[in-house]
Amino acid sequence: MKRPDQLLSAYSGQLLTHQLLKNILQEYKRPNDKIKALKDEGILQAVKRGFYIPGPATRLTRPENGLIANHLYGPSYLSAETALSYYGLIPERVYAVTSMTSKGSREFDTPAGLFLYTHLPLPYYAYGLNSVNLSRDQRAIVASPEKALADKVVTTPGVLIRSVAGALSYLTEDLRMDESQLKNLNSRMMSTWLEQAPKRDSLRMIIKTLEQL
C-alpha cells in the first residue's frame, strides 16, 4: 500500500475536499479515521469544514490562496486590494484575500490566511471577470483591473466621491495608484456597468477622472 503522501502527490496544488480524500484513501478500512490521523500528523490542514490543504509536515505544494478563495466560499471571485495587487496597480502588500460574492458577506480565518467575502448584487457582480493562471495548473476567477477598482470603490464604507479632484486624490493618494497605469484602464467598459452598480455617483466620478487623464 502506498504511503498517504504518495497517494496525495497526484493532487499537489489542489484544494482537497473531504469526499476526494475519502476516494484517495479508499484502500484504508476507515478513510475518515485516516483523514483525522493525517490532520493530527500535520500532513493535512483543514481550512474549513470539509476542505483541506497540505500541512507543514509534508512537502506537497499548497494551492495558491487565490485558488483557495474561489473554492472556500462561492460563487466568488478575487477583487479589490487582492486583484489590484495581483495586477501591480497598488504598492501595498495585501494581508487578507479579498473576494466578492453574490451570496452573503463572510469572513474565514484559516491556517492559510484570512479570507474576506463581500456581497455584491446581480447583475453587477458578474461584470468584468477573468480566468487567470496563478501558477502552473492553478487558475482562478479574478476581477479585471477595472472591475477590481470599481469593486474597491463601491464596497469601501465611507468612500463617497463627489468631484474629479476627490477622485484623483482617492486614486493617487489613498490607493497610491500611478497615473500612467490609470491611463491604461478602460473607462468606456466601466461606464457600461453604471446602471446596475452600487454607489453610481462615486463610480461615475472615477470614470470621469480616468477619461481626463
N, C-alpha and C. Protein backbone atom coordinates (compact mmCIF):
# COMPACT_ATOMS: atom_id res chain seq x y z
N MET A 1 0.84 -1.20 0.00
CA MET A 1 0.00 0.00 0.00
C MET A 1 0.88 1.25 0.00
N LYS A 2 0.55 2.20 -0.84
CA LYS A 2 1.32 3.45 -0.91
C LYS A 2 1.11 4.26 0.36
N ARG A 3 2.15 5.05 0.70
CA ARG A 3 2.03 5.97 1.82
C ARG A 3 1.03 7.07 1.48
N PRO A 4 0.41 7.68 2.49
CA PRO A 4 -0.57 8.75 2.22
C PRO A 4 0.00 9.89 1.39
N ASP A 5 1.25 10.31 1.68
CA ASP A 5 1.82 11.42 0.91
C ASP A 5 2.04 11.04 -0.55
N GLN A 6 2.30 9.77 -0.81
CA GLN A 6 2.43 9.31 -2.20
C GLN A 6 1.07 9.34 -2.90
N LEU A 7 0.03 8.94 -2.19
CA LEU A 7 -1.31 8.98 -2.76
C LEU A 7 -1.76 10.41 -3.03
N LEU A 8 -1.37 11.32 -2.14
CA LEU A 8 -1.79 12.71 -2.27
C LEU A 8 -0.98 13.48 -3.30
N SER A 9 0.19 12.97 -3.68
CA SER A 9 1.08 13.71 -4.58
C SER A 9 0.45 13.98 -5.93
N ALA A 10 -0.46 13.13 -6.37
CA ALA A 10 -1.13 13.35 -7.66
C ALA A 10 -2.05 14.55 -7.61
N TYR A 11 -2.35 15.04 -6.41
CA TYR A 11 -3.27 16.17 -6.24
C TYR A 11 -2.55 17.38 -5.67
N SER A 12 -1.24 17.42 -5.86
CA SER A 12 -0.44 18.54 -5.37
C SER A 12 -0.93 19.85 -5.97
N GLY A 13 -1.06 20.87 -5.13
CA GLY A 13 -1.52 22.17 -5.60
C GLY A 13 -3.02 22.32 -5.67
N GLN A 14 -3.76 21.31 -5.24
CA GLN A 14 -5.22 21.37 -5.28
C GLN A 14 -5.79 21.54 -3.88
N LEU A 15 -6.96 22.15 -3.82
CA LEU A 15 -7.73 22.17 -2.59
C LEU A 15 -8.46 20.84 -2.50
N LEU A 16 -8.31 20.15 -1.39
CA LEU A 16 -8.81 18.79 -1.25
C LEU A 16 -10.11 18.77 -0.45
N THR A 17 -11.16 18.23 -1.03
CA THR A 17 -12.42 18.09 -0.30
C THR A 17 -12.40 16.79 0.49
N HIS A 18 -13.27 16.71 1.48
CA HIS A 18 -13.35 15.51 2.30
C HIS A 18 -13.70 14.29 1.45
N GLN A 19 -14.62 14.48 0.50
CA GLN A 19 -15.03 13.35 -0.34
C GLN A 19 -13.88 12.90 -1.23
N LEU A 20 -13.11 13.85 -1.77
CA LEU A 20 -11.96 13.49 -2.60
C LEU A 20 -10.95 12.71 -1.77
N LEU A 21 -10.70 13.15 -0.55
CA LEU A 21 -9.75 12.44 0.32
C LEU A 21 -10.23 11.03 0.62
N LYS A 22 -11.51 10.85 0.83
CA LYS A 22 -12.05 9.51 1.07
C LYS A 22 -11.80 8.61 -0.14
N ASN A 23 -11.94 9.18 -1.34
CA ASN A 23 -11.68 8.40 -2.56
C ASN A 23 -10.19 8.07 -2.69
N ILE A 24 -9.33 9.05 -2.37
CA ILE A 24 -7.89 8.83 -2.46
C ILE A 24 -7.44 7.75 -1.47
N LEU A 25 -8.06 7.76 -0.29
CA LEU A 25 -7.65 6.86 0.80
C LEU A 25 -8.56 5.64 0.91
N GLN A 26 -9.20 5.27 -0.19
CA GLN A 26 -10.17 4.17 -0.14
C GLN A 26 -9.53 2.82 0.17
N GLU A 27 -8.20 2.70 0.01
CA GLU A 27 -7.53 1.45 0.36
C GLU A 27 -7.54 1.20 1.87
N TYR A 28 -7.74 2.25 2.64
CA TYR A 28 -7.80 2.10 4.09
C TYR A 28 -9.20 1.69 4.52
N LYS A 29 -9.28 0.87 5.58
CA LYS A 29 -10.58 0.38 6.04
C LYS A 29 -11.47 1.52 6.52
N ARG A 30 -10.87 2.50 7.19
CA ARG A 30 -11.63 3.62 7.74
C ARG A 30 -11.02 4.94 7.23
N PRO A 31 -11.38 5.36 6.02
CA PRO A 31 -10.80 6.59 5.45
C PRO A 31 -11.00 7.82 6.34
N ASN A 32 -12.16 7.92 6.99
CA ASN A 32 -12.41 9.08 7.85
C ASN A 32 -11.43 9.13 9.02
N ASP A 33 -11.16 7.97 9.60
CA ASP A 33 -10.19 7.92 10.70
C ASP A 33 -8.79 8.28 10.19
N LYS A 34 -8.47 7.85 8.97
CA LYS A 34 -7.16 8.16 8.40
C LYS A 34 -7.02 9.65 8.13
N ILE A 35 -8.09 10.29 7.66
CA ILE A 35 -8.06 11.74 7.44
C ILE A 35 -7.77 12.46 8.76
N LYS A 36 -8.44 12.04 9.83
CA LYS A 36 -8.19 12.65 11.14
C LYS A 36 -6.75 12.43 11.58
N ALA A 37 -6.23 11.23 11.34
CA ALA A 37 -4.84 10.94 11.72
C ALA A 37 -3.87 11.81 10.93
N LEU A 38 -4.13 12.01 9.65
CA LEU A 38 -3.26 12.85 8.82
C LEU A 38 -3.30 14.30 9.29
N LYS A 39 -4.46 14.76 9.76
CA LYS A 39 -4.54 16.10 10.35
C LYS A 39 -3.69 16.17 11.61
N ASP A 40 -3.80 15.17 12.46
CA ASP A 40 -3.03 15.16 13.71
C ASP A 40 -1.53 15.11 13.44
N GLU A 41 -1.14 14.47 12.34
CA GLU A 41 0.28 14.35 12.00
C GLU A 41 0.81 15.57 11.26
N GLY A 42 -0.06 16.51 10.91
CA GLY A 42 0.37 17.71 10.19
C GLY A 42 0.52 17.50 8.70
N ILE A 43 0.05 16.38 8.19
CA ILE A 43 0.11 16.14 6.74
C ILE A 43 -1.04 16.86 6.04
N LEU A 44 -2.15 17.01 6.74
CA LEU A 44 -3.29 17.77 6.22
C LEU A 44 -3.64 18.89 7.19
N GLN A 45 -4.14 19.99 6.64
CA GLN A 45 -4.69 21.08 7.44
C GLN A 45 -6.09 21.40 6.94
N ALA A 46 -7.02 21.56 7.85
CA ALA A 46 -8.38 21.95 7.47
C ALA A 46 -8.46 23.47 7.37
N VAL A 47 -8.92 23.98 6.22
CA VAL A 47 -9.13 25.42 6.08
C VAL A 47 -10.59 25.78 6.32
N LYS A 48 -11.45 24.78 6.27
CA LYS A 48 -12.88 24.94 6.52
C LYS A 48 -13.43 23.52 6.65
N ARG A 49 -14.54 23.37 7.29
CA ARG A 49 -15.13 22.04 7.42
C ARG A 49 -15.28 21.41 6.04
N GLY A 50 -14.58 20.29 5.83
CA GLY A 50 -14.68 19.57 4.57
C GLY A 50 -13.68 19.98 3.50
N PHE A 51 -12.79 20.96 3.81
CA PHE A 51 -11.79 21.42 2.85
C PHE A 51 -10.41 21.38 3.50
N TYR A 52 -9.43 20.83 2.75
CA TYR A 52 -8.09 20.62 3.31
C TYR A 52 -7.01 21.07 2.33
N ILE A 53 -5.85 21.41 2.91
CA ILE A 53 -4.64 21.70 2.14
C ILE A 53 -3.50 20.89 2.75
N PRO A 54 -2.39 20.70 2.01
CA PRO A 54 -1.24 20.01 2.59
C PRO A 54 -0.73 20.75 3.83
N GLY A 55 -0.39 20.01 4.87
CA GLY A 55 0.07 20.60 6.11
C GLY A 55 1.58 20.80 6.16
N PRO A 56 2.10 21.33 7.28
CA PRO A 56 3.53 21.64 7.40
C PRO A 56 4.43 20.41 7.44
N ALA A 57 3.86 19.23 7.68
CA ALA A 57 4.68 18.02 7.77
C ALA A 57 4.88 17.34 6.42
N THR A 58 4.45 17.97 5.35
CA THR A 58 4.61 17.39 4.02
C THR A 58 5.24 18.41 3.08
N ARG A 59 5.85 17.92 2.02
CA ARG A 59 6.45 18.81 1.02
C ARG A 59 5.53 19.04 -0.17
N LEU A 60 4.32 18.57 -0.08
CA LEU A 60 3.37 18.75 -1.18
C LEU A 60 3.07 20.23 -1.38
N THR A 61 2.88 20.63 -2.63
CA THR A 61 2.61 22.03 -2.96
C THR A 61 1.22 22.43 -2.49
N ARG A 62 1.17 23.54 -1.77
CA ARG A 62 -0.13 24.07 -1.36
C ARG A 62 -0.79 24.81 -2.53
N PRO A 63 -2.10 24.81 -2.59
CA PRO A 63 -2.76 25.64 -3.60
C PRO A 63 -2.54 27.11 -3.29
N GLU A 64 -2.52 27.94 -4.33
CA GLU A 64 -2.43 29.38 -4.14
C GLU A 64 -3.65 29.86 -3.35
N ASN A 65 -3.45 30.91 -2.56
CA ASN A 65 -4.57 31.43 -1.78
C ASN A 65 -5.72 31.91 -2.65
N GLY A 66 -5.39 32.38 -3.85
CA GLY A 66 -6.46 32.80 -4.76
C GLY A 66 -7.33 31.63 -5.18
N LEU A 67 -6.72 30.49 -5.39
CA LEU A 67 -7.48 29.29 -5.74
C LEU A 67 -8.32 28.83 -4.55
N ILE A 68 -7.71 28.87 -3.36
CA ILE A 68 -8.46 28.52 -2.15
C ILE A 68 -9.68 29.43 -2.01
N ALA A 69 -9.47 30.72 -2.22
CA ALA A 69 -10.56 31.69 -2.06
C ALA A 69 -11.74 31.39 -2.98
N ASN A 70 -11.44 31.02 -4.22
CA ASN A 70 -12.51 30.71 -5.18
C ASN A 70 -13.37 29.54 -4.73
N HIS A 71 -12.75 28.58 -4.02
CA HIS A 71 -13.47 27.36 -3.66
C HIS A 71 -13.99 27.36 -2.22
N LEU A 72 -13.41 28.19 -1.39
CA LEU A 72 -13.78 28.20 0.03
C LEU A 72 -15.21 28.65 0.23
N TYR A 73 -15.65 29.61 -0.60
CA TYR A 73 -16.99 30.17 -0.49
C TYR A 73 -17.37 30.72 -1.85
N GLY A 74 -18.50 30.31 -2.35
CA GLY A 74 -18.83 30.75 -3.69
C GLY A 74 -20.31 30.70 -3.99
N PRO A 75 -20.66 31.29 -5.15
CA PRO A 75 -19.73 31.81 -6.16
C PRO A 75 -19.00 33.06 -5.67
N SER A 76 -17.75 33.18 -6.10
CA SER A 76 -16.94 34.32 -5.69
C SER A 76 -15.81 34.52 -6.68
N TYR A 77 -15.19 35.70 -6.61
CA TYR A 77 -14.01 36.00 -7.43
C TYR A 77 -13.10 36.95 -6.67
N LEU A 78 -11.82 36.90 -6.94
CA LEU A 78 -10.84 37.78 -6.30
C LEU A 78 -11.02 39.20 -6.81
N SER A 79 -10.94 40.17 -5.91
CA SER A 79 -11.17 41.54 -6.34
C SER A 79 -10.55 42.53 -5.37
N ALA A 80 -10.89 43.81 -5.55
CA ALA A 80 -10.44 44.91 -4.70
C ALA A 80 -8.92 44.84 -4.48
N GLU A 81 -8.45 44.99 -3.23
CA GLU A 81 -7.00 45.06 -2.99
C GLU A 81 -6.25 43.85 -3.51
N THR A 82 -6.84 42.67 -3.36
CA THR A 82 -6.14 41.45 -3.78
C THR A 82 -5.89 41.45 -5.28
N ALA A 83 -6.90 41.79 -6.07
CA ALA A 83 -6.73 41.82 -7.52
C ALA A 83 -5.86 43.00 -7.95
N LEU A 84 -6.05 44.16 -7.33
CA LEU A 84 -5.23 45.32 -7.68
C LEU A 84 -3.76 45.05 -7.41
N SER A 85 -3.47 44.36 -6.31
CA SER A 85 -2.09 43.98 -6.01
C SER A 85 -1.57 42.96 -7.02
N TYR A 86 -2.40 42.01 -7.38
CA TYR A 86 -2.01 40.99 -8.37
C TYR A 86 -1.59 41.64 -9.68
N TYR A 87 -2.32 42.69 -10.10
CA TYR A 87 -2.01 43.38 -11.35
C TYR A 87 -0.90 44.42 -11.20
N GLY A 88 -0.39 44.61 -9.99
CA GLY A 88 0.67 45.58 -9.77
C GLY A 88 0.19 47.02 -9.78
N LEU A 89 -1.09 47.24 -9.48
CA LEU A 89 -1.66 48.59 -9.54
C LEU A 89 -1.59 49.33 -8.21
N ILE A 90 -1.37 48.61 -7.12
CA ILE A 90 -1.16 49.24 -5.82
C ILE A 90 0.13 48.68 -5.22
N PRO A 91 0.87 49.51 -4.49
CA PRO A 91 2.18 49.06 -4.00
C PRO A 91 2.12 48.27 -2.71
N GLU A 92 1.03 48.40 -1.94
CA GLU A 92 0.98 47.77 -0.63
C GLU A 92 0.88 46.26 -0.72
N ARG A 93 1.52 45.60 0.24
CA ARG A 93 1.36 44.16 0.38
C ARG A 93 -0.02 43.88 0.98
N VAL A 94 -0.70 42.90 0.45
CA VAL A 94 -2.06 42.59 0.89
C VAL A 94 -2.01 41.41 1.86
N TYR A 95 -2.59 41.58 3.04
CA TYR A 95 -2.53 40.54 4.07
C TYR A 95 -3.75 39.64 4.08
N ALA A 96 -4.91 40.17 3.70
CA ALA A 96 -6.12 39.36 3.60
C ALA A 96 -6.44 39.12 2.13
N VAL A 97 -7.09 38.02 1.85
CA VAL A 97 -7.51 37.71 0.48
C VAL A 97 -8.95 38.18 0.34
N THR A 98 -9.15 39.18 -0.52
CA THR A 98 -10.46 39.82 -0.65
C THR A 98 -11.18 39.32 -1.90
N SER A 99 -12.41 38.91 -1.72
CA SER A 99 -13.24 38.41 -2.82
C SER A 99 -14.61 39.06 -2.77
N MET A 100 -15.29 39.04 -3.90
CA MET A 100 -16.69 39.44 -4.00
C MET A 100 -17.54 38.19 -4.20
N THR A 101 -18.76 38.24 -3.69
CA THR A 101 -19.66 37.11 -3.81
C THR A 101 -21.08 37.60 -4.05
N SER A 102 -21.88 36.79 -4.72
CA SER A 102 -23.29 37.11 -4.88
C SER A 102 -24.10 36.60 -3.69
N LYS A 103 -23.44 35.87 -2.79
CA LYS A 103 -24.07 35.40 -1.56
C LYS A 103 -23.83 36.42 -0.44
N GLY A 104 -24.13 36.04 0.78
CA GLY A 104 -23.92 36.95 1.90
C GLY A 104 -22.45 37.15 2.21
N SER A 105 -22.11 38.30 2.78
CA SER A 105 -20.73 38.59 3.16
C SER A 105 -20.28 37.63 4.26
N ARG A 106 -19.03 37.17 4.17
CA ARG A 106 -18.50 36.21 5.14
C ARG A 106 -17.02 36.48 5.37
N GLU A 107 -16.50 35.91 6.43
CA GLU A 107 -15.07 36.00 6.75
C GLU A 107 -14.61 34.65 7.28
N PHE A 108 -13.44 34.19 6.79
CA PHE A 108 -12.87 32.92 7.24
C PHE A 108 -11.42 33.15 7.65
N ASP A 109 -11.12 32.91 8.92
CA ASP A 109 -9.75 32.99 9.41
C ASP A 109 -9.21 31.57 9.47
N THR A 110 -8.28 31.23 8.58
CA THR A 110 -7.84 29.86 8.39
C THR A 110 -6.33 29.74 8.54
N PRO A 111 -5.80 28.51 8.62
CA PRO A 111 -4.34 28.33 8.64
C PRO A 111 -3.66 28.88 7.38
N ALA A 112 -4.41 29.01 6.29
CA ALA A 112 -3.84 29.54 5.05
C ALA A 112 -3.90 31.05 4.98
N GLY A 113 -4.63 31.69 5.90
CA GLY A 113 -4.75 33.13 5.89
C GLY A 113 -6.19 33.58 6.12
N LEU A 114 -6.38 34.89 6.06
CA LEU A 114 -7.70 35.49 6.27
C LEU A 114 -8.37 35.71 4.91
N PHE A 115 -9.58 35.21 4.78
CA PHE A 115 -10.34 35.31 3.53
C PHE A 115 -11.60 36.12 3.78
N LEU A 116 -11.75 37.23 3.05
CA LEU A 116 -12.89 38.12 3.21
C LEU A 116 -13.77 38.08 1.97
N TYR A 117 -15.07 38.01 2.16
CA TYR A 117 -16.03 37.95 1.06
C TYR A 117 -17.08 39.04 1.28
N THR A 118 -17.26 39.89 0.27
CA THR A 118 -18.23 40.99 0.35
C THR A 118 -19.33 40.78 -0.68
N HIS A 119 -20.56 40.93 -0.24
CA HIS A 119 -21.71 40.75 -1.14
C HIS A 119 -21.79 41.86 -2.17
N LEU A 120 -22.09 41.48 -3.41
CA LEU A 120 -22.43 42.42 -4.47
C LEU A 120 -23.72 41.94 -5.14
N PRO A 121 -24.56 42.86 -5.58
CA PRO A 121 -25.82 42.46 -6.21
C PRO A 121 -25.61 42.04 -7.66
N LEU A 122 -26.47 41.17 -8.12
CA LEU A 122 -26.53 40.84 -9.54
C LEU A 122 -27.39 41.89 -10.24
N PRO A 123 -27.11 42.22 -11.52
CA PRO A 123 -26.10 41.60 -12.39
C PRO A 123 -24.70 42.23 -12.28
N TYR A 124 -24.57 43.32 -11.48
CA TYR A 124 -23.27 43.98 -11.39
C TYR A 124 -22.17 43.01 -10.99
N TYR A 125 -22.47 42.11 -10.09
CA TYR A 125 -21.48 41.13 -9.62
C TYR A 125 -20.76 40.43 -10.78
N ALA A 126 -21.49 40.09 -11.83
CA ALA A 126 -20.96 39.23 -12.89
C ALA A 126 -20.14 39.96 -13.95
N TYR A 127 -20.04 41.27 -13.87
CA TYR A 127 -19.31 42.02 -14.90
C TYR A 127 -17.79 41.97 -14.68
N GLY A 128 -17.04 42.00 -15.77
CA GLY A 128 -15.60 42.22 -15.72
C GLY A 128 -14.78 41.16 -15.03
N LEU A 129 -15.05 39.89 -15.33
CA LEU A 129 -14.32 38.80 -14.69
C LEU A 129 -13.40 38.09 -15.67
N ASN A 130 -12.23 37.67 -15.19
CA ASN A 130 -11.26 36.95 -16.00
C ASN A 130 -10.86 35.65 -15.31
N SER A 131 -10.51 34.65 -16.11
CA SER A 131 -9.89 33.44 -15.60
C SER A 131 -8.39 33.57 -15.83
N VAL A 132 -7.60 33.53 -14.75
CA VAL A 132 -6.16 33.79 -14.87
C VAL A 132 -5.35 32.64 -14.29
N ASN A 133 -4.14 32.48 -14.80
CA ASN A 133 -3.20 31.50 -14.27
C ASN A 133 -2.47 32.09 -13.07
N LEU A 134 -2.69 31.53 -11.89
CA LEU A 134 -1.96 31.97 -10.71
C LEU A 134 -0.58 31.33 -10.68
N SER A 135 -0.49 30.11 -11.12
CA SER A 135 0.76 29.36 -11.24
C SER A 135 0.45 28.14 -12.09
N ARG A 136 1.42 27.29 -12.27
CA ARG A 136 1.22 26.12 -13.11
C ARG A 136 0.04 25.28 -12.60
N ASP A 137 -0.90 25.01 -13.48
CA ASP A 137 -2.07 24.17 -13.19
C ASP A 137 -3.01 24.77 -12.14
N GLN A 138 -2.85 26.05 -11.84
CA GLN A 138 -3.74 26.69 -10.88
C GLN A 138 -4.36 27.94 -11.49
N ARG A 139 -5.66 27.89 -11.71
CA ARG A 139 -6.38 29.01 -12.29
C ARG A 139 -7.44 29.50 -11.30
N ALA A 140 -7.74 30.79 -11.40
CA ALA A 140 -8.75 31.37 -10.52
C ALA A 140 -9.52 32.44 -11.27
N ILE A 141 -10.72 32.72 -10.78
CA ILE A 141 -11.53 33.80 -11.33
C ILE A 141 -11.15 35.08 -10.61
N VAL A 142 -10.71 36.08 -11.38
CA VAL A 142 -10.22 37.34 -10.83
C VAL A 142 -10.91 38.49 -11.55
N ALA A 143 -11.26 39.52 -10.82
CA ALA A 143 -11.81 40.72 -11.45
C ALA A 143 -10.77 41.33 -12.39
N SER A 144 -11.23 41.91 -13.49
CA SER A 144 -10.34 42.68 -14.35
C SER A 144 -9.82 43.88 -13.54
N PRO A 145 -8.75 44.53 -13.99
CA PRO A 145 -8.27 45.71 -13.25
C PRO A 145 -9.36 46.75 -13.03
N GLU A 146 -10.17 46.97 -14.08
CA GLU A 146 -11.24 47.95 -13.98
C GLU A 146 -12.29 47.55 -12.94
N LYS A 147 -12.67 46.27 -12.97
CA LYS A 147 -13.70 45.81 -12.03
C LYS A 147 -13.16 45.79 -10.60
N ALA A 148 -11.89 45.43 -10.44
CA ALA A 148 -11.29 45.43 -9.10
C ALA A 148 -11.32 46.83 -8.50
N LEU A 149 -11.02 47.84 -9.32
CA LEU A 149 -11.07 49.22 -8.85
C LEU A 149 -12.50 49.63 -8.52
N ALA A 150 -13.42 49.31 -9.42
CA ALA A 150 -14.83 49.64 -9.18
C ALA A 150 -15.33 48.98 -7.90
N ASP A 151 -14.99 47.72 -7.71
CA ASP A 151 -15.41 47.00 -6.51
C ASP A 151 -14.83 47.63 -5.25
N LYS A 152 -13.59 48.06 -5.33
CA LYS A 152 -12.95 48.72 -4.18
C LYS A 152 -13.74 49.96 -3.80
N VAL A 153 -14.13 50.74 -4.80
CA VAL A 153 -14.88 51.97 -4.54
C VAL A 153 -16.24 51.67 -3.93
N VAL A 154 -16.97 50.75 -4.55
CA VAL A 154 -18.37 50.55 -4.14
C VAL A 154 -18.51 49.76 -2.85
N THR A 155 -17.46 49.06 -2.42
CA THR A 155 -17.58 48.25 -1.19
C THR A 155 -16.86 48.84 0.01
N THR A 156 -16.15 49.95 -0.17
CA THR A 156 -15.43 50.55 0.96
C THR A 156 -16.33 51.53 1.70
N PRO A 157 -16.66 51.25 2.95
CA PRO A 157 -17.52 52.16 3.72
C PRO A 157 -16.89 53.55 3.82
N GLY A 158 -17.71 54.56 3.68
CA GLY A 158 -17.25 55.93 3.85
C GLY A 158 -16.65 56.56 2.62
N VAL A 159 -16.44 55.81 1.56
CA VAL A 159 -15.89 56.37 0.33
C VAL A 159 -17.03 56.94 -0.51
N LEU A 160 -17.13 58.27 -0.53
CA LEU A 160 -18.12 58.97 -1.34
C LEU A 160 -17.38 60.03 -2.14
N ILE A 161 -17.33 59.86 -3.44
CA ILE A 161 -16.53 60.72 -4.30
C ILE A 161 -17.47 61.63 -5.09
N ARG A 162 -17.29 62.94 -4.90
CA ARG A 162 -18.23 63.90 -5.49
C ARG A 162 -17.60 64.82 -6.53
N SER A 163 -16.30 64.67 -6.78
CA SER A 163 -15.63 65.55 -7.74
C SER A 163 -14.46 64.83 -8.39
N VAL A 164 -14.00 65.38 -9.50
CA VAL A 164 -12.82 64.83 -10.17
C VAL A 164 -11.60 64.96 -9.27
N ALA A 165 -11.49 66.10 -8.60
CA ALA A 165 -10.35 66.30 -7.69
C ALA A 165 -10.38 65.27 -6.57
N GLY A 166 -11.56 65.00 -6.05
CA GLY A 166 -11.69 64.00 -4.99
C GLY A 166 -11.35 62.61 -5.49
N ALA A 167 -11.77 62.32 -6.72
CA ALA A 167 -11.47 61.01 -7.31
C ALA A 167 -9.98 60.83 -7.52
N LEU A 168 -9.33 61.86 -8.04
CA LEU A 168 -7.89 61.77 -8.29
C LEU A 168 -7.12 61.62 -6.98
N SER A 169 -7.56 62.32 -5.95
CA SER A 169 -6.92 62.19 -4.64
C SER A 169 -7.09 60.78 -4.09
N TYR A 170 -8.27 60.23 -4.23
CA TYR A 170 -8.53 58.86 -3.75
C TYR A 170 -7.64 57.86 -4.48
N LEU A 171 -7.54 58.00 -5.80
CA LEU A 171 -6.78 57.05 -6.61
C LEU A 171 -5.28 57.14 -6.36
N THR A 172 -4.76 58.36 -6.34
CA THR A 172 -3.30 58.53 -6.29
C THR A 172 -2.74 58.67 -4.88
N GLU A 173 -3.56 59.11 -3.93
CA GLU A 173 -3.08 59.29 -2.56
C GLU A 173 -3.56 58.17 -1.64
N ASP A 174 -4.85 57.89 -1.65
CA ASP A 174 -5.36 56.84 -0.77
C ASP A 174 -4.93 55.45 -1.26
N LEU A 175 -5.15 55.18 -2.55
CA LEU A 175 -4.78 53.87 -3.09
C LEU A 175 -3.34 53.83 -3.60
N ARG A 176 -2.74 55.01 -3.78
CA ARG A 176 -1.36 55.14 -4.26
C ARG A 176 -1.17 54.48 -5.64
N MET A 177 -2.15 54.67 -6.49
CA MET A 177 -2.06 54.18 -7.87
C MET A 177 -1.32 55.20 -8.72
N ASP A 178 -0.62 54.72 -9.72
CA ASP A 178 0.19 55.56 -10.59
C ASP A 178 -0.65 56.06 -11.77
N GLU A 179 -0.54 57.35 -12.07
CA GLU A 179 -1.35 57.92 -13.16
C GLU A 179 -1.08 57.25 -14.50
N SER A 180 0.16 56.87 -14.74
CA SER A 180 0.48 56.24 -16.02
C SER A 180 -0.24 54.90 -16.18
N GLN A 181 -0.44 54.20 -15.07
CA GLN A 181 -1.19 52.94 -15.13
C GLN A 181 -2.69 53.19 -15.20
N LEU A 182 -3.15 54.24 -14.53
CA LEU A 182 -4.57 54.58 -14.59
C LEU A 182 -5.02 54.90 -16.01
N LYS A 183 -4.11 55.48 -16.80
CA LYS A 183 -4.45 55.82 -18.18
C LYS A 183 -4.77 54.59 -19.02
N ASN A 184 -4.27 53.44 -18.60
CA ASN A 184 -4.49 52.22 -19.37
C ASN A 184 -5.83 51.55 -19.07
N LEU A 185 -6.54 52.03 -18.04
CA LEU A 185 -7.81 51.41 -17.68
C LEU A 185 -8.90 51.80 -18.68
N ASN A 186 -9.78 50.87 -18.94
CA ASN A 186 -10.84 51.05 -19.94
C ASN A 186 -12.07 51.68 -19.28
N SER A 187 -12.11 53.00 -19.30
CA SER A 187 -13.22 53.72 -18.67
C SER A 187 -14.53 53.50 -19.42
N ARG A 188 -14.44 53.29 -20.72
CA ARG A 188 -15.66 53.06 -21.50
C ARG A 188 -16.34 51.77 -21.05
N MET A 189 -15.56 50.74 -20.81
CA MET A 189 -16.14 49.49 -20.33
C MET A 189 -16.76 49.69 -18.95
N MET A 190 -16.08 50.44 -18.09
CA MET A 190 -16.61 50.68 -16.76
C MET A 190 -17.95 51.40 -16.80
N SER A 191 -18.11 52.29 -17.77
CA SER A 191 -19.35 53.06 -17.86
C SER A 191 -20.55 52.17 -18.19
N THR A 192 -20.30 51.01 -18.81
CA THR A 192 -21.40 50.11 -19.14
C THR A 192 -21.95 49.41 -17.89
N TRP A 193 -21.23 49.48 -16.78
CA TRP A 193 -21.68 48.84 -15.54
C TRP A 193 -22.49 49.78 -14.66
N LEU A 194 -22.49 51.09 -14.99
CA LEU A 194 -23.02 52.09 -14.07
C LEU A 194 -24.47 51.87 -13.68
N GLU A 195 -25.30 51.52 -14.64
CA GLU A 195 -26.74 51.44 -14.38
C GLU A 195 -27.06 50.45 -13.26
N GLN A 196 -26.28 49.36 -13.18
CA GLN A 196 -26.56 48.33 -12.17
C GLN A 196 -25.62 48.41 -10.96
N ALA A 197 -24.70 49.38 -10.95
CA ALA A 197 -23.68 49.42 -9.91
C ALA A 197 -24.17 50.11 -8.63
N PRO A 198 -23.71 49.65 -7.48
CA PRO A 198 -23.91 50.43 -6.25
C PRO A 198 -23.07 51.71 -6.31
N LYS A 199 -23.41 52.70 -5.52
CA LYS A 199 -22.64 53.96 -5.42
C LYS A 199 -22.31 54.51 -6.80
N ARG A 200 -23.35 54.64 -7.62
CA ARG A 200 -23.16 55.06 -9.02
C ARG A 200 -22.49 56.43 -9.13
N ASP A 201 -22.85 57.38 -8.26
CA ASP A 201 -22.28 58.72 -8.37
C ASP A 201 -20.78 58.71 -8.14
N SER A 202 -20.33 57.95 -7.15
CA SER A 202 -18.89 57.86 -6.89
C SER A 202 -18.17 57.19 -8.04
N LEU A 203 -18.76 56.13 -8.55
CA LEU A 203 -18.13 55.41 -9.66
C LEU A 203 -18.11 56.26 -10.91
N ARG A 204 -19.15 57.06 -11.10
CA ARG A 204 -19.20 57.96 -12.26
C ARG A 204 -18.05 58.97 -12.21
N MET A 205 -17.73 59.47 -11.02
CA MET A 205 -16.63 60.41 -10.88
C MET A 205 -15.28 59.74 -11.14
N ILE A 206 -15.14 58.49 -10.74
CA ILE A 206 -13.92 57.75 -11.05
C ILE A 206 -13.75 57.63 -12.55
N ILE A 207 -14.82 57.28 -13.23
CA ILE A 207 -14.78 57.12 -14.69
C ILE A 207 -14.45 58.45 -15.36
N LYS A 208 -15.08 59.52 -14.92
CA LYS A 208 -14.82 60.85 -15.49
C LYS A 208 -13.36 61.24 -15.31
N THR A 209 -12.81 60.91 -14.16
CA THR A 209 -11.40 61.23 -13.89
C THR A 209 -10.48 60.44 -14.81
N LEU A 210 -10.76 59.17 -15.00
CA LEU A 210 -9.95 58.34 -15.90
C LEU A 210 -10.01 58.87 -17.32
N GLU A 211 -11.15 59.36 -17.73
CA GLU A 211 -11.30 59.89 -19.09
C GLU A 211 -10.48 61.16 -19.31
N GLN A 212 -10.20 61.88 -18.23
CA GLN A 212 -9.48 63.15 -18.35
C GLN A 212 -7.96 63.00 -18.20
N LEU A 213 -7.50 61.81 -17.86
CA LEU A 213 -6.06 61.61 -17.69
C LEU A 213 -5.34 61.62 -19.04
